[in-house]
Amino acid sequence: MRRKDKEITDRLVIDDIINRAEVCRVAFCNENIPYIVPMNFGYRDNCLYFHSAREGKKLDMIKNNRLVCFEIDIDHEIIKDDNPCGWGMKYYSVIGYGKAELIAEMDKKKKALDIIMGKYSDTKHYDYPENVVRNIEIIKITIAEVTGKKSGY
């Protein structure tokens, strides 16, 4: 990171940013063409979890290239100034790289769904209809590298 004064290196702080975020943007790439998707997610043990339909562009891209980049940001606030060049933005962000995989086993898919649902709900375990779980994909991203940044705080 060029601006070391804005870099967050404390993994606990980075994890807090990830846990507080509501959306994760995941960039997939195939044949040198990037594709970024904002998604709801869950986070546990250095892994991000997402649910998806069983077909689509992102799944096709994962099958051809499992390497991904992701971005998360929270606490945005515009900083205004009388001088237009003095405007700015306050935020915390995380950018990371990892490897995506599709989870096929039903019990692992249900655990991943609980991780995702647990992020947005106070309920930690749900009973999912078997036919619903069979008809979705779970994407798991194991994080290989992650950095945090703060600006304006």
N, C-alpha and C. Protein backbone atom coordinates (compact mmCIF):
# COMPACT_ATOMS: atom_id res chain seq x y z
N MET A 1 0.85 -1.17 0.00
CA MET A 1 0.00 0.00 0.00
C MET A 1 0.90 1.24 0.00
N ARG A 2 0.59 2.16 -0.88
CA ARG A 2 1.39 3.36 -1.03
C ARG A 2 1.31 4.25 0.22
N ARG A 3 0.13 4.45 0.76
CA ARG A 3 -0.06 5.33 1.91
C ARG A 3 -0.01 4.51 3.19
N LYS A 4 1.19 4.29 3.70
CA LYS A 4 1.37 3.49 4.91
C LYS A 4 0.66 4.12 6.11
N ASP A 5 0.46 5.44 6.09
CA ASP A 5 -0.22 6.10 7.20
C ASP A 5 -1.71 5.74 7.26
N LYS A 6 -2.25 5.19 6.19
CA LYS A 6 -3.66 4.79 6.15
C LYS A 6 -3.83 3.28 6.25
N GLU A 7 -2.75 2.54 6.22
CA GLU A 7 -2.82 1.08 6.22
C GLU A 7 -3.24 0.53 7.58
N ILE A 8 -4.09 -0.47 7.55
CA ILE A 8 -4.48 -1.21 8.75
C ILE A 8 -3.81 -2.57 8.66
N THR A 9 -2.97 -2.88 9.64
CA THR A 9 -2.27 -4.17 9.63
C THR A 9 -2.77 -5.12 10.71
N ASP A 10 -3.49 -4.60 11.68
CA ASP A 10 -4.00 -5.42 12.78
C ASP A 10 -5.13 -6.30 12.26
N ARG A 11 -4.91 -7.61 12.27
CA ARG A 11 -5.90 -8.54 11.70
C ARG A 11 -7.22 -8.49 12.47
N LEU A 12 -7.19 -8.20 13.75
CA LEU A 12 -8.45 -8.08 14.50
C LEU A 12 -9.29 -6.91 14.00
N VAL A 13 -8.63 -5.82 13.65
CA VAL A 13 -9.35 -4.65 13.11
C VAL A 13 -9.90 -4.99 11.72
N ILE A 14 -9.11 -5.66 10.91
CA ILE A 14 -9.56 -6.07 9.58
C ILE A 14 -10.77 -7.00 9.70
N ASP A 15 -10.69 -7.97 10.61
CA ASP A 15 -11.81 -8.88 10.83
C ASP A 15 -13.06 -8.13 11.28
N ASP A 16 -12.89 -7.11 12.12
CA ASP A 16 -14.02 -6.31 12.58
C ASP A 16 -14.68 -5.59 11.40
N ILE A 17 -13.89 -5.04 10.50
CA ILE A 17 -14.44 -4.38 9.32
C ILE A 17 -15.24 -5.38 8.49
N ILE A 18 -14.68 -6.56 8.27
CA ILE A 18 -15.38 -7.60 7.51
C ILE A 18 -16.69 -7.96 8.20
N ASN A 19 -16.64 -8.14 9.50
CA ASN A 19 -17.84 -8.55 10.24
C ASN A 19 -18.91 -7.47 10.28
N ARG A 20 -18.52 -6.21 10.22
CA ARG A 20 -19.49 -5.11 10.27
C ARG A 20 -20.10 -4.80 8.91
N ALA A 21 -19.46 -5.21 7.85
CA ALA A 21 -19.94 -4.90 6.49
C ALA A 21 -21.18 -5.70 6.15
N GLU A 22 -22.00 -5.13 5.29
CA GLU A 22 -23.21 -5.82 4.82
C GLU A 22 -23.06 -6.39 3.43
N VAL A 23 -22.12 -5.86 2.66
CA VAL A 23 -21.93 -6.28 1.27
C VAL A 23 -20.45 -6.52 1.01
N CYS A 24 -20.16 -7.55 0.25
CA CYS A 24 -18.80 -7.83 -0.21
C CYS A 24 -18.84 -7.84 -1.74
N ARG A 25 -17.94 -7.11 -2.35
CA ARG A 25 -17.85 -7.09 -3.81
C ARG A 25 -16.74 -8.06 -4.21
N VAL A 26 -17.09 -9.02 -5.04
CA VAL A 26 -16.13 -10.04 -5.46
C VAL A 26 -15.85 -9.87 -6.94
N ALA A 27 -14.56 -9.82 -7.27
CA ALA A 27 -14.14 -9.70 -8.67
C ALA A 27 -13.63 -11.05 -9.15
N PHE A 28 -14.28 -11.53 -10.19
CA PHE A 28 -13.88 -12.76 -10.86
C PHE A 28 -13.20 -12.36 -12.16
N CYS A 29 -12.41 -13.25 -12.74
CA CYS A 29 -11.75 -12.91 -13.99
C CYS A 29 -11.64 -14.16 -14.86
N ASN A 30 -11.92 -13.97 -16.13
CA ASN A 30 -11.81 -15.06 -17.09
C ASN A 30 -11.34 -14.47 -18.41
N GLU A 31 -10.32 -15.06 -18.99
CA GLU A 31 -9.78 -14.59 -20.27
C GLU A 31 -9.47 -13.09 -20.21
N ASN A 32 -8.88 -12.66 -19.11
CA ASN A 32 -8.47 -11.27 -18.89
C ASN A 32 -9.62 -10.27 -18.87
N ILE A 33 -10.83 -10.75 -18.65
CA ILE A 33 -11.99 -9.87 -18.53
C ILE A 33 -12.52 -9.96 -17.11
N PRO A 34 -12.44 -8.87 -16.33
CA PRO A 34 -12.94 -8.91 -14.95
C PRO A 34 -14.45 -8.75 -14.89
N TYR A 35 -15.02 -9.25 -13.82
CA TYR A 35 -16.46 -9.19 -13.58
C TYR A 35 -16.65 -9.07 -12.07
N ILE A 36 -17.25 -7.97 -11.62
CA ILE A 36 -17.40 -7.74 -10.18
C ILE A 36 -18.88 -7.81 -9.79
N VAL A 37 -19.13 -8.46 -8.64
CA VAL A 37 -20.49 -8.69 -8.19
C VAL A 37 -20.61 -8.31 -6.71
N PRO A 38 -21.56 -7.42 -6.35
CA PRO A 38 -21.82 -7.17 -4.92
C PRO A 38 -22.69 -8.30 -4.38
N MET A 39 -22.30 -8.85 -3.23
CA MET A 39 -23.01 -10.01 -2.69
C MET A 39 -23.15 -9.93 -1.18
N ASN A 40 -24.24 -10.50 -0.66
CA ASN A 40 -24.34 -10.76 0.77
C ASN A 40 -23.38 -11.89 1.08
N PHE A 41 -22.92 -11.97 2.32
CA PHE A 41 -21.88 -12.96 2.61
C PHE A 41 -21.86 -13.31 4.09
N GLY A 42 -21.11 -14.34 4.38
CA GLY A 42 -20.79 -14.71 5.75
C GLY A 42 -19.28 -14.85 5.86
N TYR A 43 -18.77 -14.77 7.08
CA TYR A 43 -17.31 -14.82 7.30
C TYR A 43 -17.01 -15.64 8.54
N ARG A 44 -16.11 -16.60 8.38
CA ARG A 44 -15.66 -17.38 9.52
C ARG A 44 -14.33 -18.07 9.16
N ASP A 45 -13.42 -18.06 10.14
CA ASP A 45 -12.15 -18.80 10.01
C ASP A 45 -11.42 -18.50 8.71
N ASN A 46 -11.27 -17.21 8.40
CA ASN A 46 -10.51 -16.76 7.24
C ASN A 46 -11.15 -17.15 5.91
N CYS A 47 -12.45 -17.43 5.93
CA CYS A 47 -13.17 -17.79 4.70
C CYS A 47 -14.43 -16.95 4.57
N LEU A 48 -14.73 -16.57 3.33
CA LEU A 48 -15.96 -15.88 3.00
C LEU A 48 -16.90 -16.88 2.34
N TYR A 49 -18.20 -16.76 2.63
CA TYR A 49 -19.20 -17.67 2.07
C TYR A 49 -20.30 -16.87 1.38
N PHE A 50 -20.73 -17.36 0.23
CA PHE A 50 -21.77 -16.71 -0.57
C PHE A 50 -22.72 -17.78 -1.09
N HIS A 51 -23.97 -17.42 -1.32
CA HIS A 51 -24.87 -18.36 -2.00
C HIS A 51 -25.20 -17.80 -3.37
N SER A 52 -25.55 -18.70 -4.26
CA SER A 52 -25.75 -18.31 -5.65
C SER A 52 -26.73 -19.27 -6.32
N ALA A 53 -27.29 -18.82 -7.43
CA ALA A 53 -28.03 -19.73 -8.29
C ALA A 53 -27.05 -20.78 -8.82
N ARG A 54 -27.56 -21.84 -9.38
CA ARG A 54 -26.71 -22.95 -9.81
C ARG A 54 -26.05 -22.71 -11.16
N GLU A 55 -26.41 -21.64 -11.82
CA GLU A 55 -25.75 -21.32 -13.08
C GLU A 55 -25.65 -19.81 -13.21
N GLY A 56 -24.72 -19.38 -14.02
CA GLY A 56 -24.54 -17.95 -14.22
C GLY A 56 -23.08 -17.61 -14.49
N LYS A 57 -22.86 -16.37 -14.79
CA LYS A 57 -21.55 -15.89 -15.22
C LYS A 57 -20.47 -16.12 -14.16
N LYS A 58 -20.77 -15.79 -12.89
CA LYS A 58 -19.72 -15.93 -11.87
C LYS A 58 -19.31 -17.39 -11.69
N LEU A 59 -20.27 -18.31 -11.78
CA LEU A 59 -19.93 -19.73 -11.64
C LEU A 59 -19.10 -20.21 -12.83
N ASP A 60 -19.46 -19.76 -14.02
CA ASP A 60 -18.65 -20.10 -15.19
C ASP A 60 -17.22 -19.60 -15.03
N MET A 61 -17.09 -18.40 -14.48
CA MET A 61 -15.76 -17.82 -14.31
C MET A 61 -14.96 -18.58 -13.25
N ILE A 62 -15.60 -18.98 -12.16
CA ILE A 62 -14.91 -19.76 -11.12
C ILE A 62 -14.38 -21.07 -11.69
N LYS A 63 -15.17 -21.70 -12.55
CA LYS A 63 -14.75 -22.98 -13.12
C LYS A 63 -13.50 -22.83 -13.99
N ASN A 64 -13.31 -21.64 -14.57
CA ASN A 64 -12.14 -21.40 -15.42
C ASN A 64 -10.98 -20.74 -14.69
N ASN A 65 -11.28 -20.04 -13.59
CA ASN A 65 -10.23 -19.33 -12.85
C ASN A 65 -10.72 -19.13 -11.42
N ARG A 66 -10.14 -19.86 -10.49
CA ARG A 66 -10.60 -19.81 -9.10
C ARG A 66 -10.05 -18.60 -8.33
N LEU A 67 -9.09 -17.89 -8.88
CA LEU A 67 -8.50 -16.74 -8.18
C LEU A 67 -9.45 -15.55 -8.23
N VAL A 68 -9.66 -14.93 -7.08
CA VAL A 68 -10.59 -13.80 -6.99
C VAL A 68 -9.97 -12.67 -6.16
N CYS A 69 -10.55 -11.50 -6.29
CA CYS A 69 -10.23 -10.36 -5.45
C CYS A 69 -11.56 -9.90 -4.85
N PHE A 70 -11.52 -9.39 -3.61
CA PHE A 70 -12.75 -8.90 -3.00
C PHE A 70 -12.50 -7.57 -2.32
N GLU A 71 -13.58 -6.80 -2.16
CA GLU A 71 -13.51 -5.48 -1.52
C GLU A 71 -14.71 -5.30 -0.62
N ILE A 72 -14.44 -4.73 0.55
CA ILE A 72 -15.46 -4.45 1.55
C ILE A 72 -15.19 -3.05 2.08
N ASP A 73 -16.25 -2.26 2.29
CA ASP A 73 -16.04 -0.94 2.90
C ASP A 73 -17.21 -0.61 3.82
N ILE A 74 -16.91 0.19 4.84
CA ILE A 74 -17.91 0.58 5.84
C ILE A 74 -17.69 2.03 6.26
N ASP A 75 -18.66 2.56 6.97
CA ASP A 75 -18.57 3.88 7.62
C ASP A 75 -18.17 5.00 6.66
N HIS A 76 -18.85 5.07 5.52
CA HIS A 76 -18.56 6.10 4.53
C HIS A 76 -19.14 7.44 4.97
N GLU A 77 -18.39 8.47 4.74
CA GLU A 77 -18.89 9.82 5.02
C GLU A 77 -18.14 10.80 4.13
N ILE A 78 -18.88 11.64 3.42
CA ILE A 78 -18.25 12.64 2.56
C ILE A 78 -17.75 13.79 3.43
N ILE A 79 -16.53 14.21 3.16
CA ILE A 79 -15.93 15.36 3.84
C ILE A 79 -16.04 16.55 2.88
N LYS A 80 -16.78 17.58 3.30
CA LYS A 80 -16.98 18.75 2.44
C LYS A 80 -16.00 19.86 2.82
N ASP A 81 -15.73 20.72 1.86
CA ASP A 81 -14.81 21.82 2.07
C ASP A 81 -15.22 22.96 1.15
N ASP A 82 -14.85 24.18 1.49
CA ASP A 82 -15.13 25.32 0.61
C ASP A 82 -14.38 25.19 -0.70
N ASN A 83 -13.21 24.60 -0.64
CA ASN A 83 -12.40 24.37 -1.84
C ASN A 83 -12.77 23.00 -2.41
N PRO A 84 -13.20 22.92 -3.66
CA PRO A 84 -13.58 21.62 -4.21
C PRO A 84 -12.46 20.58 -4.15
N CYS A 85 -11.22 21.03 -4.18
CA CYS A 85 -10.09 20.09 -4.09
C CYS A 85 -9.87 19.60 -2.66
N GLY A 86 -10.59 20.20 -1.70
CA GLY A 86 -10.49 19.77 -0.32
C GLY A 86 -11.51 18.72 0.09
N TRP A 87 -12.41 18.39 -0.83
CA TRP A 87 -13.39 17.35 -0.53
C TRP A 87 -12.70 16.00 -0.42
N GLY A 88 -13.31 15.12 0.33
CA GLY A 88 -12.74 13.78 0.48
C GLY A 88 -13.79 12.81 1.00
N MET A 89 -13.32 11.67 1.45
CA MET A 89 -14.21 10.62 1.93
C MET A 89 -13.58 9.96 3.13
N LYS A 90 -14.40 9.75 4.16
CA LYS A 90 -13.99 8.96 5.32
C LYS A 90 -14.50 7.54 5.11
N TYR A 91 -13.68 6.55 5.41
CA TYR A 91 -14.12 5.16 5.27
C TYR A 91 -13.09 4.22 5.88
N TYR A 92 -13.52 3.00 6.07
CA TYR A 92 -12.64 1.87 6.36
C TYR A 92 -12.87 0.87 5.22
N SER A 93 -11.81 0.26 4.73
CA SER A 93 -11.98 -0.71 3.66
C SER A 93 -11.02 -1.88 3.83
N VAL A 94 -11.39 -2.96 3.17
CA VAL A 94 -10.57 -4.17 3.14
C VAL A 94 -10.53 -4.65 1.70
N ILE A 95 -9.35 -4.98 1.24
CA ILE A 95 -9.19 -5.61 -0.08
C ILE A 95 -8.39 -6.88 0.14
N GLY A 96 -8.85 -7.93 -0.50
CA GLY A 96 -8.16 -9.21 -0.33
C GLY A 96 -8.18 -10.04 -1.59
N TYR A 97 -7.37 -11.08 -1.55
CA TYR A 97 -7.27 -12.05 -2.63
C TYR A 97 -7.48 -13.43 -2.06
N GLY A 98 -8.02 -14.30 -2.87
CA GLY A 98 -8.23 -15.65 -2.40
C GLY A 98 -8.55 -16.59 -3.53
N LYS A 99 -8.91 -17.80 -3.14
CA LYS A 99 -9.24 -18.84 -4.09
C LYS A 99 -10.67 -19.30 -3.81
N ALA A 100 -11.50 -19.29 -4.84
CA ALA A 100 -12.90 -19.69 -4.72
C ALA A 100 -13.07 -21.17 -5.02
N GLU A 101 -14.02 -21.76 -4.32
CA GLU A 101 -14.40 -23.14 -4.61
C GLU A 101 -15.89 -23.29 -4.38
N LEU A 102 -16.48 -24.25 -5.07
CA LEU A 102 -17.89 -24.54 -4.88
C LEU A 102 -18.02 -25.69 -3.89
N ILE A 103 -18.92 -25.53 -2.94
CA ILE A 103 -19.15 -26.55 -1.92
C ILE A 103 -20.30 -27.44 -2.39
N ALA A 104 -20.05 -28.73 -2.45
CA ALA A 104 -21.06 -29.67 -2.97
C ALA A 104 -21.79 -30.44 -1.88
N GLU A 105 -21.11 -30.75 -0.76
CA GLU A 105 -21.71 -31.60 0.27
C GLU A 105 -22.84 -30.86 0.98
N MET A 106 -23.96 -31.55 1.13
CA MET A 106 -25.16 -30.93 1.71
C MET A 106 -24.92 -30.39 3.12
N ASP A 107 -24.24 -31.14 3.98
CA ASP A 107 -24.02 -30.67 5.35
C ASP A 107 -23.14 -29.43 5.37
N LYS A 108 -22.14 -29.37 4.50
CA LYS A 108 -21.27 -28.18 4.43
C LYS A 108 -22.02 -26.99 3.85
N LYS A 109 -22.91 -27.24 2.90
CA LYS A 109 -23.72 -26.16 2.35
C LYS A 109 -24.62 -25.57 3.43
N LYS A 110 -25.22 -26.42 4.25
CA LYS A 110 -26.09 -25.94 5.33
C LYS A 110 -25.30 -25.15 6.36
N LYS A 111 -24.10 -25.60 6.69
CA LYS A 111 -23.26 -24.85 7.63
C LYS A 111 -22.90 -23.48 7.06
N ALA A 112 -22.60 -23.45 5.77
CA ALA A 112 -22.28 -22.17 5.12
C ALA A 112 -23.50 -21.24 5.13
N LEU A 113 -24.67 -21.79 4.87
CA LEU A 113 -25.89 -20.97 4.93
C LEU A 113 -26.11 -20.42 6.33
N ASP A 114 -25.83 -21.22 7.35
CA ASP A 114 -25.94 -20.73 8.73
C ASP A 114 -24.95 -19.59 8.99
N ILE A 115 -23.75 -19.70 8.43
CA ILE A 115 -22.76 -18.63 8.60
C ILE A 115 -23.26 -17.35 7.93
N ILE A 116 -23.81 -17.48 6.73
CA ILE A 116 -24.35 -16.31 6.02
C ILE A 116 -25.53 -15.72 6.79
N MET A 117 -26.48 -16.57 7.15
CA MET A 117 -27.68 -16.08 7.85
C MET A 117 -27.33 -15.51 9.22
N GLY A 118 -26.34 -16.09 9.89
CA GLY A 118 -25.93 -15.61 11.20
C GLY A 118 -25.38 -14.20 11.17
N LYS A 119 -24.88 -13.79 10.03
CA LYS A 119 -24.36 -12.43 9.88
C LYS A 119 -25.49 -11.40 9.92
N TYR A 120 -26.64 -11.76 9.39
CA TYR A 120 -27.74 -10.81 9.23
C TYR A 120 -28.89 -11.05 10.21
N SER A 121 -28.81 -12.11 10.99
CA SER A 121 -29.91 -12.52 11.86
C SER A 121 -29.37 -12.92 13.22
N ASP A 122 -30.22 -12.85 14.22
CA ASP A 122 -29.83 -13.33 15.55
C ASP A 122 -29.92 -14.85 15.67
N THR A 123 -30.61 -15.48 14.73
CA THR A 123 -30.75 -16.93 14.74
C THR A 123 -29.48 -17.55 14.16
N LYS A 124 -28.93 -18.53 14.86
CA LYS A 124 -27.65 -19.11 14.44
C LYS A 124 -27.80 -20.42 13.67
N HIS A 125 -28.99 -21.00 13.68
CA HIS A 125 -29.20 -22.24 12.95
C HIS A 125 -30.61 -22.28 12.38
N TYR A 126 -30.70 -22.70 11.15
CA TYR A 126 -31.98 -22.82 10.48
C TYR A 126 -32.13 -24.24 9.95
N ASP A 127 -33.37 -24.63 9.73
CA ASP A 127 -33.66 -25.88 9.03
C ASP A 127 -33.98 -25.51 7.59
N TYR A 128 -33.14 -25.95 6.68
CA TYR A 128 -33.29 -25.62 5.27
C TYR A 128 -33.93 -26.79 4.53
N PRO A 129 -34.92 -26.53 3.69
CA PRO A 129 -35.50 -27.61 2.89
C PRO A 129 -34.43 -28.23 1.97
N GLU A 130 -34.38 -29.54 1.95
CA GLU A 130 -33.36 -30.25 1.16
C GLU A 130 -33.37 -29.82 -0.30
N ASN A 131 -34.57 -29.67 -0.88
CA ASN A 131 -34.63 -29.31 -2.30
C ASN A 131 -34.07 -27.92 -2.56
N VAL A 132 -34.22 -27.01 -1.60
CA VAL A 132 -33.66 -25.66 -1.75
C VAL A 132 -32.14 -25.73 -1.70
N VAL A 133 -31.60 -26.45 -0.75
CA VAL A 133 -30.14 -26.55 -0.61
C VAL A 133 -29.53 -27.23 -1.83
N ARG A 134 -30.21 -28.24 -2.37
CA ARG A 134 -29.71 -28.92 -3.57
C ARG A 134 -29.67 -27.98 -4.77
N ASN A 135 -30.57 -27.00 -4.79
CA ASN A 135 -30.71 -26.14 -5.96
C ASN A 135 -30.01 -24.80 -5.85
N ILE A 136 -29.07 -24.69 -4.92
CA ILE A 136 -28.23 -23.49 -4.84
C ILE A 136 -26.76 -23.92 -4.87
N GLU A 137 -25.92 -22.96 -5.14
CA GLU A 137 -24.48 -23.17 -5.03
C GLU A 137 -23.98 -22.37 -3.84
N ILE A 138 -22.99 -22.90 -3.18
CA ILE A 138 -22.28 -22.17 -2.13
C ILE A 138 -20.86 -21.94 -2.64
N ILE A 139 -20.47 -20.68 -2.61
CA ILE A 139 -19.11 -20.30 -3.00
C ILE A 139 -18.34 -20.02 -1.71
N LYS A 140 -17.21 -20.67 -1.57
CA LYS A 140 -16.32 -20.44 -0.43
C LYS A 140 -15.03 -19.83 -0.96
N ILE A 141 -14.65 -18.70 -0.38
CA ILE A 141 -13.37 -18.08 -0.74
C ILE A 141 -12.45 -18.18 0.47
N THR A 142 -11.35 -18.88 0.29
CA THR A 142 -10.32 -18.94 1.32
C THR A 142 -9.38 -17.78 1.08
N ILE A 143 -9.26 -16.91 2.07
CA ILE A 143 -8.47 -15.69 1.92
C ILE A 143 -6.98 -16.03 1.98
N ALA A 144 -6.25 -15.57 0.97
CA ALA A 144 -4.81 -15.77 0.92
C ALA A 144 -4.05 -14.53 1.37
N GLU A 145 -4.61 -13.37 1.08
CA GLU A 145 -3.96 -12.10 1.41
C GLU A 145 -5.04 -11.05 1.64
N VAL A 146 -4.83 -10.20 2.64
CA VAL A 146 -5.82 -9.18 2.94
C VAL A 146 -5.12 -7.95 3.52
N THR A 147 -5.60 -6.77 3.13
CA THR A 147 -5.09 -5.53 3.69
C THR A 147 -6.27 -4.63 4.04
N GLY A 148 -6.06 -3.77 5.01
CA GLY A 148 -7.08 -2.83 5.42
C GLY A 148 -6.60 -1.40 5.23
N LYS A 149 -7.56 -0.49 5.12
CA LYS A 149 -7.22 0.92 4.94
C LYS A 149 -8.26 1.76 5.67
N LYS A 150 -7.78 2.85 6.26
CA LYS A 150 -8.69 3.83 6.86
C LYS A 150 -8.34 5.18 6.28
N SER A 151 -9.36 5.97 6.04
CA SER A 151 -9.15 7.30 5.51
C SER A 151 -10.08 8.26 6.23
N GLY A 152 -9.53 9.34 6.73
CA GLY A 152 -10.34 10.36 7.38
C GLY A 152 -10.65 10.10 8.84
N TYR A 153 -10.22 8.97 9.38
CA TYR A 153 -10.46 8.63 10.79
C TYR A 153 -9.17 8.70 11.57
